[in-house]
Amino acid sequence: MDPLERQRQLAAQYPDNELARFSLGRALFDRGEMAAAKLEFQAALKRKPDWMAVQILLGKCDLQLGDPAAARAAFERARDLALAQHHEGPLAEMESLLADLQDVPPSVG
């Protein structure tokens, strides 16, 4: 069975399981299906809002989808989570990505 199809089945079987939704999102992300991946990452974050890695991937989806303001908001949240959770590597990555987005106006709302 195709790995993406397997992840779709698991997410359908366990729609409220954040790990199943993340796994499907990651499979979609890896295939370049950013809009679908973003929906799955958002579903995972609804269940576990402090999941820093998912927050980072959400921002990367936004970048690929051409929404740098939304990406910046996601990366700012991920940066805050990295600080709170003492993750130096992701913190450095978020600082770098945010520096690249410094001229983008902030999201409204």
Protein backbone atom coordinates (compact mmCIF):
# COMPACT_ATOMS: atom_id res chain seq x y z
CA MET A 1 0.00 0.00 0.00
CA ASP A 2 1.13 3.51 -0.80
CA PRO A 3 2.44 5.23 2.38
CA LEU A 4 0.28 8.30 1.76
CA GLU A 5 -2.82 6.13 1.39
CA ARG A 6 -1.93 4.36 4.63
CA GLN A 7 -1.70 7.72 6.42
CA ARG A 8 -5.04 8.78 4.93
CA GLN A 9 -6.64 5.61 6.29
CA LEU A 10 -5.19 6.13 9.76
CA ALA A 11 -6.34 9.76 9.85
CA ALA A 12 -9.83 8.69 8.74
CA GLN A 13 -9.88 5.94 11.36
CA TYR A 14 -8.60 8.25 14.12
CA PRO A 15 -9.71 11.78 13.13
CA ASP A 16 -9.16 13.21 16.61
CA ASN A 17 -5.66 11.77 16.99
CA GLU A 18 -3.09 14.52 16.55
CA LEU A 19 -0.32 12.07 15.65
CA ALA A 20 -2.41 10.54 12.85
CA ARG A 21 -3.20 14.02 11.52
CA PHE A 22 0.44 15.08 11.77
CA SER A 23 1.62 11.93 9.99
CA LEU A 24 -0.81 12.52 7.14
CA GLY A 25 0.23 16.17 6.99
CA ARG A 26 3.88 15.21 6.84
CA ALA A 27 3.26 12.71 4.04
CA LEU A 28 1.37 15.39 2.09
CA PHE A 29 4.09 17.96 2.82
CA ASP A 30 6.77 15.58 1.56
CA ARG A 31 4.81 15.19 -1.68
CA GLY A 32 4.48 18.95 -2.12
CA GLU A 33 0.75 19.04 -1.40
CA MET A 34 1.00 22.11 0.80
CA ALA A 35 -2.66 23.15 1.00
CA ALA A 36 -3.74 19.66 2.11
CA ALA A 37 -0.76 19.37 4.46
CA LYS A 38 -1.63 22.71 6.06
CA LEU A 39 -5.15 21.49 6.88
CA GLU A 40 -3.76 18.40 8.59
CA PHE A 41 -1.19 20.41 10.55
CA GLN A 42 -3.91 22.80 11.69
CA ALA A 43 -6.01 19.83 12.86
CA ALA A 44 -3.03 18.44 14.81
CA LEU A 45 -2.40 21.83 16.41
CA LYS A 46 -6.03 22.08 17.52
CA ARG A 47 -5.45 18.99 19.64
CA LYS A 48 -1.90 19.88 20.73
CA PRO A 49 -1.26 23.63 20.32
CA ASP A 50 2.23 23.53 21.83
CA TRP A 51 3.61 21.11 19.20
CA MET A 52 6.51 23.20 17.96
CA ALA A 53 7.56 20.96 15.04
CA VAL A 54 4.06 21.07 13.58
CA GLN A 55 3.96 24.84 14.00
CA ILE A 56 7.19 25.10 12.00
CA LEU A 57 5.82 22.92 9.21
CA LEU A 58 2.65 25.00 9.14
CA GLY A 59 4.76 28.09 8.52
CA LYS A 60 6.69 26.32 5.79
CA CYS A 61 3.38 25.42 4.12
CA ASP A 62 2.35 29.06 4.27
CA LEU A 63 5.61 30.10 2.62
CA GLN A 64 5.15 27.57 -0.17
CA LEU A 65 1.55 28.71 -0.62
CA GLY A 66 2.70 32.31 -1.10
CA ASP A 67 1.46 33.72 2.21
CA PRO A 68 4.55 35.16 3.92
CA ALA A 69 2.51 37.07 6.51
CA ALA A 70 0.85 33.85 7.70
CA ALA A 71 4.23 32.12 7.61
CA ARG A 72 5.70 34.83 9.80
CA ALA A 73 2.88 34.46 12.32
CA ALA A 74 3.44 30.68 12.40
CA PHE A 75 7.21 31.11 12.77
CA GLU A 76 6.75 33.65 15.58
CA ARG A 77 4.56 31.15 17.43
CA ALA A 78 7.13 28.41 16.79
CA ARG A 79 9.89 30.71 18.06
CA ASP A 80 7.92 31.34 21.25
CA LEU A 81 7.42 27.59 21.69
CA ALA A 82 11.13 26.93 21.05
CA LEU A 83 12.02 29.46 23.74
CA ALA A 84 9.53 28.02 26.22
CA GLN A 85 10.63 24.45 25.52
CA HIS A 86 14.38 25.24 25.41
CA HIS A 87 14.97 23.98 21.85
CA GLU A 88 18.05 25.81 20.56
CA GLY A 89 18.19 24.35 17.04
CA PRO A 90 14.60 25.18 16.12
CA LEU A 91 14.97 28.57 17.80
CA ALA A 92 17.93 29.40 15.55
CA GLU A 93 16.01 28.19 12.49
CA MET A 94 13.00 30.36 13.39
CA GLU A 95 15.20 33.41 13.98
CA SER A 96 16.75 32.90 10.54
CA LEU A 97 13.40 32.44 8.80
CA LEU A 98 11.93 35.43 10.59
CA ALA A 99 14.91 37.57 9.56
CA ASP A 100 14.20 36.58 5.96
CA LEU A 101 10.60 37.74 6.42
CA GLN A 102 11.38 40.98 8.27
CA ASP A 103 10.01 43.25 5.53
CA VAL A 104 6.66 41.48 5.33
CA PRO A 105 3.83 43.32 7.09
CA PRO A 106 2.32 41.47 10.05
CA SER A 107 -0.83 39.43 9.60
CA VAL A 108 -4.06 41.07 10.57
CA GLY A 109 -6.16 39.01 12.94
